[in-house]
């Protein structure tokens, strides 16, 4: 049975935080189907606080087909946004995320989506990653979270978080490996021309961290 991957959409999200992991899950599903495992893989769903179009930070519009309260995710993905800290203060968002997380098997925060997970209490006592630019701010606001500012992604129990933007792809590959093994994850990386395991860490992109 395919796992339902629910991408939570809210205004101002970074579109690549959605499309990067989405392509990884789609490639994994296609490869499984080619190997006569049609009932396996991932079924993506776009959800929001209410159905309808959601404009991303780049101007691209994504369509939320269902309200988050009306779907039970196997994997709940919360993307980041330039103003994710403000979104994390929206009670409608946090209430729906908290309720959906209770129904989900796995939870993933991409980039600054970690702020929303932390505001919901989902990173309390856990290790977490986020974009290096906002890692200190996450640690300041949520001292109960062990922020790893140099990590590409972190998996702690059923909650995974990733560093900036494209690191959501690394997180998705790790999820594929967890479910279907390294061989499929490697094949997905080959198809999408990705590093299976990216060399280095966020400090290779951040002069501030490198210093």
N, C-alpha and C. Protein backbone atom coordinates (compact mmCIF):
# COMPACT_ATOMS: atom_id res chain seq x y z
N UNK A 1 0.84 -1.20 0.00
CA UNK A 1 0.00 0.00 0.00
C UNK A 1 0.88 1.25 0.00
N UNK A 2 0.54 2.21 -0.87
CA UNK A 2 1.34 3.42 -0.95
C UNK A 2 1.17 4.28 0.30
N UNK A 3 2.26 4.91 0.70
CA UNK A 3 2.23 5.77 1.87
C UNK A 3 1.77 7.17 1.45
N UNK A 4 0.85 7.71 2.22
CA UNK A 4 0.30 9.03 1.91
C UNK A 4 1.23 10.10 2.46
N UNK A 5 1.84 10.86 1.54
CA UNK A 5 2.73 11.95 1.92
C UNK A 5 1.95 13.25 1.81
N UNK A 6 1.67 13.87 2.93
CA UNK A 6 0.88 15.09 2.95
C UNK A 6 1.81 16.29 3.09
N UNK A 7 1.83 17.12 2.06
CA UNK A 7 2.60 18.36 2.09
C UNK A 7 1.68 19.47 2.58
N UNK A 8 2.06 20.08 3.70
CA UNK A 8 1.25 21.17 4.24
C UNK A 8 1.65 22.48 3.58
N UNK A 9 0.68 23.15 2.96
CA UNK A 9 0.93 24.40 2.27
C UNK A 9 0.40 25.58 3.08
N UNK A 10 1.19 26.64 3.14
CA UNK A 10 0.74 27.90 3.75
C UNK A 10 1.39 29.04 2.98
N UNK A 11 0.83 30.24 3.02
CA UNK A 11 1.33 31.33 2.18
C UNK A 11 2.80 31.64 2.43
N UNK A 12 3.54 31.81 1.32
CA UNK A 12 4.94 32.22 1.40
C UNK A 12 5.94 31.09 1.50
N UNK A 13 5.50 29.84 1.42
CA UNK A 13 6.45 28.73 1.50
C UNK A 13 7.42 28.77 0.32
N UNK A 14 8.58 28.16 0.51
CA UNK A 14 9.56 28.03 -0.56
C UNK A 14 9.16 26.83 -1.43
N UNK A 15 8.92 27.07 -2.70
CA UNK A 15 8.39 26.01 -3.56
C UNK A 15 9.32 24.80 -3.65
N UNK A 16 10.63 25.03 -3.61
CA UNK A 16 11.57 23.92 -3.71
C UNK A 16 11.52 23.01 -2.48
N UNK A 17 11.09 23.56 -1.35
CA UNK A 17 10.92 22.74 -0.15
C UNK A 17 9.84 21.67 -0.36
N UNK A 18 8.93 21.95 -1.31
CA UNK A 18 7.88 20.99 -1.66
C UNK A 18 8.31 20.15 -2.86
N UNK A 19 8.72 20.82 -3.93
CA UNK A 19 8.98 20.11 -5.19
C UNK A 19 10.20 19.19 -5.11
N UNK A 20 11.21 19.55 -4.30
CA UNK A 20 12.39 18.69 -4.18
C UNK A 20 12.04 17.33 -3.60
N UNK A 21 11.50 17.28 -2.37
CA UNK A 21 11.08 15.98 -1.82
C UNK A 21 10.02 15.29 -2.68
N UNK A 22 9.12 16.06 -3.27
CA UNK A 22 8.06 15.49 -4.11
C UNK A 22 8.66 14.68 -5.26
N UNK A 23 9.68 15.21 -5.92
CA UNK A 23 10.31 14.51 -7.04
C UNK A 23 11.02 13.24 -6.59
N UNK A 24 11.61 13.28 -5.41
CA UNK A 24 12.26 12.08 -4.87
C UNK A 24 11.22 10.98 -4.64
N UNK A 25 10.12 11.34 -4.00
CA UNK A 25 9.08 10.34 -3.74
C UNK A 25 8.44 9.84 -5.04
N UNK A 26 8.28 10.73 -6.03
CA UNK A 26 7.70 10.32 -7.31
C UNK A 26 8.64 9.38 -8.05
N UNK A 27 9.93 9.67 -8.03
CA UNK A 27 10.90 8.80 -8.71
C UNK A 27 10.96 7.43 -8.05
N UNK A 28 10.92 7.42 -6.72
CA UNK A 28 10.94 6.14 -6.00
C UNK A 28 9.71 5.30 -6.36
N UNK A 29 8.55 5.95 -6.44
CA UNK A 29 7.32 5.24 -6.78
C UNK A 29 7.38 4.68 -8.19
N UNK A 30 7.88 5.48 -9.12
CA UNK A 30 7.99 5.02 -10.51
C UNK A 30 8.93 3.82 -10.64
N UNK A 31 10.06 3.88 -9.92
CA UNK A 31 11.01 2.77 -9.97
C UNK A 31 10.42 1.51 -9.36
N UNK A 32 9.64 1.66 -8.30
CA UNK A 32 8.98 0.50 -7.70
C UNK A 32 7.95 -0.10 -8.66
N UNK A 33 7.23 0.76 -9.36
CA UNK A 33 6.23 0.27 -10.33
C UNK A 33 6.91 -0.47 -11.48
N UNK A 34 8.05 0.03 -11.91
CA UNK A 34 8.78 -0.63 -13.00
C UNK A 34 9.27 -2.01 -12.58
N UNK A 35 9.49 -2.19 -11.28
CA UNK A 35 9.94 -3.49 -10.78
C UNK A 35 8.77 -4.33 -10.28
N UNK A 36 7.56 -4.00 -10.80
CA UNK A 36 6.34 -4.76 -10.52
C UNK A 36 5.95 -4.73 -9.05
N UNK A 37 6.16 -3.55 -8.42
CA UNK A 37 5.73 -3.35 -7.04
C UNK A 37 4.77 -2.16 -7.02
N UNK A 38 3.69 -2.30 -7.79
CA UNK A 38 2.78 -1.18 -8.04
C UNK A 38 2.05 -0.69 -6.79
N UNK A 39 1.86 -1.56 -5.83
CA UNK A 39 1.13 -1.13 -4.64
C UNK A 39 1.99 -0.41 -3.63
N UNK A 40 3.28 -0.24 -3.95
CA UNK A 40 4.20 0.37 -3.00
C UNK A 40 4.60 1.76 -3.49
N UNK A 41 5.28 2.49 -2.61
CA UNK A 41 5.71 3.83 -2.97
C UNK A 41 4.96 4.88 -2.19
N UNK A 42 4.75 6.01 -2.83
CA UNK A 42 4.23 7.18 -2.13
C UNK A 42 3.10 7.84 -2.93
N UNK A 43 2.08 8.29 -2.22
CA UNK A 43 0.96 9.01 -2.83
C UNK A 43 0.92 10.42 -2.25
N UNK A 44 1.33 11.42 -3.03
CA UNK A 44 1.37 12.79 -2.50
C UNK A 44 0.00 13.44 -2.41
N UNK A 45 -0.18 14.25 -1.38
CA UNK A 45 -1.40 15.03 -1.18
C UNK A 45 -0.98 16.43 -0.75
N UNK A 46 -1.59 17.45 -1.37
CA UNK A 46 -1.35 18.83 -0.96
C UNK A 46 -2.51 19.26 -0.07
N UNK A 47 -2.19 19.69 1.15
CA UNK A 47 -3.21 20.11 2.10
C UNK A 47 -2.85 21.48 2.68
N UNK A 48 -3.86 22.17 3.17
CA UNK A 48 -3.67 23.47 3.81
C UNK A 48 -4.72 23.61 4.91
N UNK A 49 -4.72 24.74 5.59
CA UNK A 49 -5.75 24.96 6.60
C UNK A 49 -7.14 24.92 5.96
N UNK A 50 -7.21 25.36 4.70
CA UNK A 50 -8.45 25.26 3.92
C UNK A 50 -8.05 25.02 2.47
N UNK A 51 -8.83 24.25 1.72
CA UNK A 51 -8.49 23.98 0.32
C UNK A 51 -8.43 25.26 -0.51
N UNK A 52 -7.60 25.21 -1.56
CA UNK A 52 -7.51 26.36 -2.45
C UNK A 52 -6.07 26.64 -2.86
N UNK A 53 -5.85 27.65 -3.71
CA UNK A 53 -4.51 27.98 -4.17
C UNK A 53 -3.68 28.62 -3.06
N UNK A 54 -2.40 28.30 -3.06
CA UNK A 54 -1.46 28.87 -2.08
C UNK A 54 -0.26 29.41 -2.86
N UNK A 55 0.04 30.69 -2.68
CA UNK A 55 1.15 31.31 -3.40
C UNK A 55 2.45 31.12 -2.62
N UNK A 56 3.47 30.66 -3.32
CA UNK A 56 4.78 30.45 -2.70
C UNK A 56 5.59 31.75 -2.73
N UNK A 57 6.76 31.72 -2.09
CA UNK A 57 7.59 32.92 -2.01
C UNK A 57 8.08 33.38 -3.37
N UNK A 58 8.18 32.46 -4.33
CA UNK A 58 8.64 32.81 -5.68
C UNK A 58 7.51 33.24 -6.60
N UNK A 59 6.28 33.16 -6.13
CA UNK A 59 5.12 33.52 -6.94
C UNK A 59 4.40 32.34 -7.56
N UNK A 60 5.01 31.17 -7.50
CA UNK A 60 4.35 29.96 -8.00
C UNK A 60 3.16 29.62 -7.12
N UNK A 61 2.05 29.25 -7.74
CA UNK A 61 0.87 28.85 -6.97
C UNK A 61 0.72 27.34 -6.96
N UNK A 62 0.49 26.80 -5.77
CA UNK A 62 0.20 25.38 -5.60
C UNK A 62 -1.24 25.24 -5.11
N UNK A 63 -1.87 24.16 -5.48
CA UNK A 63 -3.28 23.98 -5.12
C UNK A 63 -3.42 22.97 -3.99
N UNK A 64 -3.92 23.45 -2.87
CA UNK A 64 -4.24 22.55 -1.76
C UNK A 64 -5.59 21.91 -2.04
N UNK A 65 -5.60 20.59 -2.19
CA UNK A 65 -6.82 19.90 -2.59
C UNK A 65 -7.72 19.53 -1.42
N UNK A 66 -7.20 19.65 -0.20
CA UNK A 66 -7.96 19.20 0.96
C UNK A 66 -7.50 19.96 2.19
N UNK A 67 -8.36 20.07 3.18
CA UNK A 67 -7.98 20.66 4.46
C UNK A 67 -7.16 19.65 5.26
N UNK A 68 -6.15 20.15 5.94
CA UNK A 68 -5.29 19.25 6.69
C UNK A 68 -6.07 18.45 7.72
N UNK A 69 -7.09 19.05 8.31
CA UNK A 69 -7.89 18.35 9.32
C UNK A 69 -8.63 17.15 8.75
N UNK A 70 -8.75 17.08 7.42
CA UNK A 70 -9.55 16.02 6.79
C UNK A 70 -8.70 14.90 6.20
N UNK A 71 -7.43 14.85 6.52
CA UNK A 71 -6.55 13.83 5.95
C UNK A 71 -5.65 13.26 7.05
N UNK A 72 -5.37 11.97 6.94
CA UNK A 72 -4.46 11.30 7.89
C UNK A 72 -3.16 10.95 7.16
N UNK A 73 -2.07 11.63 7.47
CA UNK A 73 -0.82 11.38 6.75
C UNK A 73 -0.08 10.15 7.27
N UNK A 74 0.55 9.44 6.35
CA UNK A 74 1.60 8.51 6.78
C UNK A 74 2.88 9.30 7.03
N UNK A 75 3.11 10.29 6.16
CA UNK A 75 4.24 11.20 6.32
C UNK A 75 3.71 12.62 6.18
N UNK A 76 3.95 13.44 7.18
CA UNK A 76 3.55 14.85 7.14
C UNK A 76 4.79 15.69 6.87
N UNK A 77 4.76 16.48 5.79
CA UNK A 77 5.89 17.32 5.41
C UNK A 77 5.51 18.78 5.59
N UNK A 78 6.29 19.50 6.39
CA UNK A 78 6.06 20.93 6.62
C UNK A 78 7.22 21.71 6.01
N UNK A 79 6.99 22.41 4.90
CA UNK A 79 8.07 23.16 4.26
C UNK A 79 8.39 24.45 5.01
N UNK A 80 9.48 25.06 4.61
CA UNK A 80 9.89 26.32 5.22
C UNK A 80 9.40 27.52 4.42
N UNK A 81 9.61 28.70 4.99
CA UNK A 81 9.24 29.96 4.35
C UNK A 81 10.17 31.04 4.88
N UNK A 82 10.39 32.10 4.11
CA UNK A 82 11.21 33.20 4.63
C UNK A 82 10.68 33.75 5.94
N UNK A 83 9.36 33.67 6.14
CA UNK A 83 8.76 34.19 7.37
C UNK A 83 8.10 33.06 8.17
N UNK A 84 8.78 31.92 8.23
CA UNK A 84 8.22 30.78 8.94
C UNK A 84 8.04 31.07 10.43
N UNK A 85 8.87 31.94 10.98
CA UNK A 85 8.73 32.28 12.40
C UNK A 85 7.37 32.89 12.68
N UNK A 86 6.89 33.75 11.77
CA UNK A 86 5.57 34.34 11.93
C UNK A 86 4.47 33.30 11.75
N UNK A 87 4.64 32.43 10.75
CA UNK A 87 3.66 31.37 10.52
C UNK A 87 3.53 30.48 11.75
N UNK A 88 4.65 30.29 12.46
CA UNK A 88 4.65 29.44 13.65
C UNK A 88 3.84 30.04 14.79
N UNK A 89 3.49 31.33 14.68
CA UNK A 89 2.68 31.98 15.71
C UNK A 89 1.20 31.98 15.36
N UNK A 90 0.86 31.42 14.19
CA UNK A 90 -0.53 31.38 13.75
C UNK A 90 -1.21 30.18 14.40
N UNK A 91 -2.18 30.41 15.31
CA UNK A 91 -2.79 29.29 16.03
C UNK A 91 -3.54 28.32 15.12
N UNK A 92 -4.10 28.81 14.02
CA UNK A 92 -4.79 27.91 13.10
C UNK A 92 -3.80 26.91 12.50
N UNK A 93 -2.63 27.39 12.14
CA UNK A 93 -1.60 26.51 11.57
C UNK A 93 -1.10 25.51 12.61
N UNK A 94 -0.73 26.00 13.79
CA UNK A 94 -0.15 25.12 14.79
C UNK A 94 -1.16 24.09 15.30
N UNK A 95 -2.41 24.49 15.43
CA UNK A 95 -3.42 23.54 15.90
C UNK A 95 -3.62 22.41 14.90
N UNK A 96 -3.67 22.76 13.61
CA UNK A 96 -3.87 21.73 12.60
C UNK A 96 -2.64 20.85 12.42
N UNK A 97 -1.46 21.44 12.51
CA UNK A 97 -0.23 20.64 12.41
C UNK A 97 -0.12 19.69 13.59
N UNK A 98 -0.42 20.19 14.78
CA UNK A 98 -0.32 19.34 15.97
C UNK A 98 -1.28 18.16 15.89
N UNK A 99 -2.49 18.41 15.41
CA UNK A 99 -3.48 17.34 15.28
C UNK A 99 -3.08 16.35 14.19
N UNK A 100 -2.58 16.85 13.06
CA UNK A 100 -2.16 15.97 11.97
C UNK A 100 -0.95 15.14 12.37
N UNK A 101 -0.03 15.74 13.13
CA UNK A 101 1.15 15.02 13.58
C UNK A 101 0.79 13.85 14.48
N UNK A 102 -0.27 14.02 15.26
CA UNK A 102 -0.73 12.94 16.13
C UNK A 102 -1.26 11.76 15.31
N UNK A 103 -1.74 12.04 14.09
CA UNK A 103 -2.25 10.98 13.22
C UNK A 103 -1.18 10.41 12.30
N UNK A 104 -0.05 11.09 12.18
CA UNK A 104 0.97 10.72 11.20
C UNK A 104 1.94 9.67 11.74
N UNK A 105 2.48 8.90 10.82
CA UNK A 105 3.52 7.96 11.19
C UNK A 105 4.87 8.63 11.31
N UNK A 106 5.17 9.51 10.34
CA UNK A 106 6.42 10.26 10.34
C UNK A 106 6.12 11.73 10.11
N UNK A 107 7.03 12.58 10.60
CA UNK A 107 6.89 14.02 10.45
C UNK A 107 8.22 14.57 9.93
N UNK A 108 8.15 15.44 8.94
CA UNK A 108 9.36 16.02 8.37
C UNK A 108 9.22 17.53 8.27
N UNK A 109 10.23 18.24 8.73
CA UNK A 109 10.29 19.69 8.57
C UNK A 109 11.43 20.04 7.64
N UNK A 110 11.13 20.76 6.57
CA UNK A 110 12.15 21.15 5.61
C UNK A 110 12.57 22.59 5.88
N UNK A 111 13.87 22.81 6.00
CA UNK A 111 14.42 24.15 6.16
C UNK A 111 13.80 24.81 7.41
N UNK A 112 13.27 26.03 7.26
CA UNK A 112 12.71 26.75 8.40
C UNK A 112 11.35 26.22 8.82
N UNK A 113 10.86 25.17 8.17
CA UNK A 113 9.66 24.49 8.66
C UNK A 113 9.84 23.98 10.08
N UNK A 114 11.10 23.87 10.50
CA UNK A 114 11.41 23.45 11.87
C UNK A 114 10.79 24.41 12.90
N UNK A 115 10.65 25.69 12.55
CA UNK A 115 10.04 26.64 13.49
C UNK A 115 8.60 26.24 13.80
N UNK A 116 7.88 25.79 12.79
CA UNK A 116 6.49 25.40 13.00
C UNK A 116 6.41 24.12 13.82
N UNK A 117 7.28 23.16 13.51
CA UNK A 117 7.29 21.93 14.30
C UNK A 117 7.64 22.23 15.76
N UNK A 118 8.61 23.12 15.97
CA UNK A 118 9.00 23.47 17.34
C UNK A 118 7.87 24.17 18.07
N UNK A 119 7.15 25.06 17.37
CA UNK A 119 6.03 25.76 17.99
C UNK A 119 4.92 24.81 18.39
N UNK A 120 4.84 23.68 17.70
CA UNK A 120 3.84 22.66 18.03
C UNK A 120 4.31 21.70 19.11
N UNK A 121 5.53 21.90 19.60
CA UNK A 121 6.08 21.02 20.63
C UNK A 121 6.65 19.72 20.09
N UNK A 122 6.76 19.61 18.78
CA UNK A 122 7.20 18.34 18.17
C UNK A 122 8.71 18.16 18.18
N UNK A 123 9.44 19.23 18.51
CA UNK A 123 10.91 19.12 18.59
C UNK A 123 11.40 19.22 20.03
N UNK A 124 10.48 19.18 20.97
CA UNK A 124 10.85 19.28 22.39
C UNK A 124 11.75 18.10 22.77
N UNK A 125 12.96 18.40 23.23
CA UNK A 125 13.90 17.36 23.65
C UNK A 125 14.53 16.60 22.50
N UNK A 126 14.36 17.09 21.26
CA UNK A 126 14.89 16.38 20.10
C UNK A 126 16.01 17.17 19.44
N UNK A 127 16.83 16.45 18.70
CA UNK A 127 17.83 17.06 17.83
C UNK A 127 17.14 17.52 16.56
N UNK A 128 17.59 18.65 16.01
CA UNK A 128 16.94 19.18 14.82
C UNK A 128 17.91 19.99 13.98
N UNK A 129 17.60 20.07 12.69
CA UNK A 129 18.35 20.91 11.75
C UNK A 129 17.41 21.94 11.17
N UNK A 130 17.97 23.04 10.69
CA UNK A 130 17.24 24.04 9.93
C UNK A 130 18.26 24.79 9.10
N UNK A 131 17.83 25.78 8.33
CA UNK A 131 18.77 26.55 7.53
C UNK A 131 19.78 27.24 8.44
N UNK A 132 21.05 27.24 8.02
CA UNK A 132 22.09 27.80 8.89
C UNK A 132 21.85 29.26 9.22
N UNK A 133 21.15 29.99 8.33
CA UNK A 133 20.90 31.40 8.58
C UNK A 133 20.01 31.64 9.79
N UNK A 134 19.13 30.68 10.11
CA UNK A 134 18.17 30.88 11.19
C UNK A 134 18.36 29.88 12.33
N UNK A 135 19.46 29.12 12.29
CA UNK A 135 19.68 28.10 13.32
C UNK A 135 19.80 28.72 14.71
N UNK A 136 20.54 29.83 14.83
CA UNK A 136 20.68 30.46 16.14
C UNK A 136 19.35 30.98 16.66
N UNK A 137 18.52 31.48 15.76
CA UNK A 137 17.22 31.99 16.16
C UNK A 137 16.32 30.86 16.65
N UNK A 138 16.37 29.71 15.96
CA UNK A 138 15.58 28.55 16.39
C UNK A 138 16.00 28.11 17.79
N UNK A 139 17.32 28.07 18.02
CA UNK A 139 17.83 27.66 19.33
C UNK A 139 17.45 28.67 20.41
N UNK A 140 17.42 29.95 20.05
CA UNK A 140 17.05 30.99 21.01
C UNK A 140 15.58 30.89 21.41
N UNK A 141 14.71 30.68 20.42
CA UNK A 141 13.27 30.63 20.69
C UNK A 141 12.85 29.33 21.36
N UNK A 142 13.54 28.24 21.03
CA UNK A 142 13.14 26.92 21.51
C UNK A 142 14.34 26.21 22.14
N UNK A 143 14.73 26.64 23.34
CA UNK A 143 15.92 26.06 23.98
C UNK A 143 15.77 24.58 24.32
N UNK A 144 14.53 24.07 24.29
CA UNK A 144 14.33 22.64 24.55
C UNK A 144 14.74 21.78 23.36
N UNK A 145 15.00 22.43 22.22
CA UNK A 145 15.42 21.73 21.01
C UNK A 145 16.93 21.80 20.86
N UNK A 146 17.55 20.67 20.56
CA UNK A 146 19.00 20.63 20.35
C UNK A 146 19.26 20.90 18.87
N UNK A 147 19.56 22.14 18.54
CA UNK A 147 19.74 22.54 17.15
C UNK A 147 21.15 22.20 16.69
N UNK A 148 21.24 21.54 15.55
CA UNK A 148 22.54 21.19 14.95
C UNK A 148 22.70 22.04 13.69
N UNK A 149 23.33 23.21 13.81
CA UNK A 149 23.34 24.19 12.71
C UNK A 149 24.13 23.75 11.48
N UNK A 150 24.98 22.77 11.63
CA UNK A 150 25.83 22.34 10.52
C UNK A 150 25.26 21.13 9.78
N UNK A 151 24.19 20.54 10.30
CA UNK A 151 23.68 19.29 9.73
C UNK A 151 22.89 19.53 8.45
N UNK A 152 23.04 18.61 7.49
CA UNK A 152 22.22 18.63 6.28
C UNK A 152 20.80 18.17 6.64
N UNK A 153 20.70 17.09 7.40
CA UNK A 153 19.40 16.68 7.94
C UNK A 153 19.64 15.87 9.20
N UNK A 154 18.60 15.79 10.02
CA UNK A 154 18.66 15.06 11.28
C UNK A 154 17.39 14.22 11.40
N UNK A 155 17.55 12.96 11.77
CA UNK A 155 16.40 12.12 12.07
C UNK A 155 16.45 11.77 13.55
N UNK A 156 15.41 12.11 14.28
CA UNK A 156 15.34 11.81 15.71
C UNK A 156 13.98 11.17 15.96
N UNK A 157 13.98 9.84 16.09
CA UNK A 157 12.72 9.14 16.24
C UNK A 157 11.90 9.24 14.96
N UNK A 158 10.64 9.60 15.10
CA UNK A 158 9.77 9.69 13.92
C UNK A 158 9.77 11.09 13.29
N UNK A 159 10.60 11.98 13.83
CA UNK A 159 10.68 13.35 13.33
C UNK A 159 12.01 13.58 12.63
N UNK A 160 11.95 14.08 11.39
CA UNK A 160 13.15 14.44 10.63
C UNK A 160 13.08 15.93 10.29
N UNK A 161 14.24 16.57 10.30
CA UNK A 161 14.33 17.97 9.91
C UNK A 161 15.55 18.13 9.01
N UNK A 162 15.51 19.14 8.14
CA UNK A 162 16.63 19.31 7.22
C UNK A 162 17.13 20.74 7.25
N UNK A 163 18.34 20.92 6.73
CA UNK A 163 18.92 22.24 6.57
C UNK A 163 18.23 22.98 5.42
N UNK A 164 18.93 23.93 4.87
CA UNK A 164 18.32 24.84 3.91
C UNK A 164 17.89 24.22 2.59
N UNK A 165 16.69 24.51 2.19
CA UNK A 165 16.09 24.34 0.87
C UNK A 165 16.37 22.97 0.25
N UNK A 166 17.46 22.83 -0.50
CA UNK A 166 17.70 21.57 -1.22
C UNK A 166 17.99 20.41 -0.27
N UNK A 167 18.28 20.69 0.99
CA UNK A 167 18.51 19.60 1.94
C UNK A 167 17.26 18.77 2.17
N UNK A 168 16.09 19.32 1.80
CA UNK A 168 14.87 18.52 1.85
C UNK A 168 14.94 17.32 0.93
N UNK A 169 15.72 17.43 -0.14
CA UNK A 169 15.93 16.30 -1.05
C UNK A 169 16.72 15.21 -0.34
N UNK A 170 17.75 15.60 0.39
CA UNK A 170 18.54 14.63 1.16
C UNK A 170 17.66 13.93 2.19
N UNK A 171 16.80 14.70 2.85
CA UNK A 171 15.89 14.12 3.84
C UNK A 171 14.97 13.10 3.19
N UNK A 172 14.43 13.44 2.00
CA UNK A 172 13.52 12.52 1.31
C UNK A 172 14.24 11.25 0.88
N UNK A 173 15.47 11.36 0.43
CA UNK A 173 16.25 10.17 0.06
C UNK A 173 16.47 9.28 1.28
N UNK A 174 16.72 9.90 2.42
CA UNK A 174 16.89 9.12 3.66
C UNK A 174 15.60 8.40 4.01
N UNK A 175 14.46 9.02 3.76
CA UNK A 175 13.17 8.39 4.02
C UNK A 175 12.96 7.20 3.10
N UNK A 176 13.31 7.36 1.83
CA UNK A 176 13.20 6.24 0.88
C UNK A 176 14.09 5.08 1.32
N UNK A 177 15.30 5.39 1.75
CA UNK A 177 16.19 4.32 2.22
C UNK A 177 15.61 3.62 3.43
N UNK A 178 15.04 4.38 4.35
CA UNK A 178 14.46 3.79 5.55
C UNK A 178 13.33 2.82 5.19
N UNK A 179 12.52 3.18 4.21
CA UNK A 179 11.38 2.35 3.84
C UNK A 179 11.72 1.19 2.90
N UNK A 180 12.60 1.46 1.93
CA UNK A 180 12.81 0.48 0.86
C UNK A 180 14.27 0.07 0.66
N UNK A 181 15.17 0.58 1.49
CA UNK A 181 16.55 0.14 1.42
C UNK A 181 17.44 1.05 0.58
N UNK A 182 18.74 0.88 0.77
CA UNK A 182 19.71 1.76 0.13
C UNK A 182 19.75 1.59 -1.39
N UNK A 183 19.43 0.39 -1.87
CA UNK A 183 19.50 0.16 -3.31
C UNK A 183 18.52 1.06 -4.07
N UNK A 184 17.28 1.17 -3.56
CA UNK A 184 16.31 2.03 -4.22
C UNK A 184 16.70 3.50 -4.07
N UNK A 185 17.16 3.88 -2.89
CA UNK A 185 17.58 5.27 -2.68
C UNK A 185 18.71 5.64 -3.62
N UNK A 186 19.64 4.71 -3.83
CA UNK A 186 20.75 4.96 -4.75
C UNK A 186 20.24 5.10 -6.18
N UNK A 187 19.27 4.28 -6.57
CA UNK A 187 18.73 4.35 -7.93
C UNK A 187 17.97 5.68 -8.14
N UNK A 188 17.25 6.13 -7.13
CA UNK A 188 16.57 7.42 -7.23
C UNK A 188 17.60 8.54 -7.41
N UNK A 189 18.67 8.49 -6.63
CA UNK A 189 19.72 9.49 -6.75
C UNK A 189 20.35 9.48 -8.14
N UNK A 190 20.52 8.31 -8.70
CA UNK A 190 21.09 8.20 -10.05
C UNK A 190 20.15 8.80 -11.09
N UNK A 191 18.88 8.51 -10.97
CA UNK A 191 17.90 9.02 -11.93
C UNK A 191 17.82 10.54 -11.88
N UNK A 192 17.86 11.10 -10.68
CA UNK A 192 17.71 12.55 -10.50
C UNK A 192 19.05 13.28 -10.50
N UNK A 193 20.14 12.55 -10.73
CA UNK A 193 21.49 13.14 -10.76
C UNK A 193 21.82 13.85 -9.44
N UNK A 194 21.62 13.12 -8.35
CA UNK A 194 21.87 13.65 -7.02
C UNK A 194 23.02 12.89 -6.36
N UNK A 195 23.63 13.52 -5.37
CA UNK A 195 24.50 12.78 -4.47
C UNK A 195 23.62 11.86 -3.63
N UNK A 196 24.00 10.60 -3.52
CA UNK A 196 23.26 9.73 -2.60
C UNK A 196 23.47 10.20 -1.18
N UNK A 197 24.70 10.47 -0.83
CA UNK A 197 25.00 11.08 0.46
C UNK A 197 25.89 12.27 0.19
N UNK A 198 25.35 13.45 0.39
CA UNK A 198 26.06 14.67 0.05
C UNK A 198 27.34 14.81 0.87
N UNK A 199 28.47 15.10 0.24
CA UNK A 199 29.70 15.31 1.01
C UNK A 199 29.64 16.64 1.75
N UNK A 200 30.26 16.69 2.91
CA UNK A 200 30.29 17.94 3.66
C UNK A 200 29.02 18.20 4.43
N UNK A 201 28.82 19.44 4.79
CA UNK A 201 27.68 19.84 5.62
C UNK A 201 27.35 21.29 5.31
N UNK A 202 26.50 21.91 6.10
CA UNK A 202 26.07 23.26 5.77
C UNK A 202 27.19 24.30 5.84
N UNK A 203 28.27 24.01 6.55
CA UNK A 203 29.35 24.97 6.64
C UNK A 203 30.01 25.21 5.29
N UNK A 204 29.86 24.27 4.35
CA UNK A 204 30.46 24.47 3.03
C UNK A 204 29.72 25.57 2.25
N UNK A 205 28.52 25.95 2.71
CA UNK A 205 27.75 27.00 2.05
C UNK A 205 27.74 28.30 2.86
N UNK A 206 28.18 28.23 4.08
CA UNK A 206 28.07 29.37 4.99
C UNK A 206 29.43 29.89 5.40
N UNK A 207 29.79 31.05 4.92
CA UNK A 207 31.07 31.65 5.33
C UNK A 207 31.05 31.96 6.83
N UNK A 208 29.87 32.31 7.35
CA UNK A 208 29.76 32.61 8.78
C UNK A 208 30.07 31.39 9.61
N UNK A 209 29.50 30.22 9.25
CA UNK A 209 29.77 29.00 10.00
C UNK A 209 31.21 28.56 9.81
N UNK A 210 31.72 28.69 8.58
CA UNK A 210 33.10 28.27 8.32
C UNK A 210 34.08 29.08 9.16
N UNK A 211 33.80 30.38 9.32
CA UNK A 211 34.67 31.23 10.13
C UNK A 211 34.59 30.86 11.60
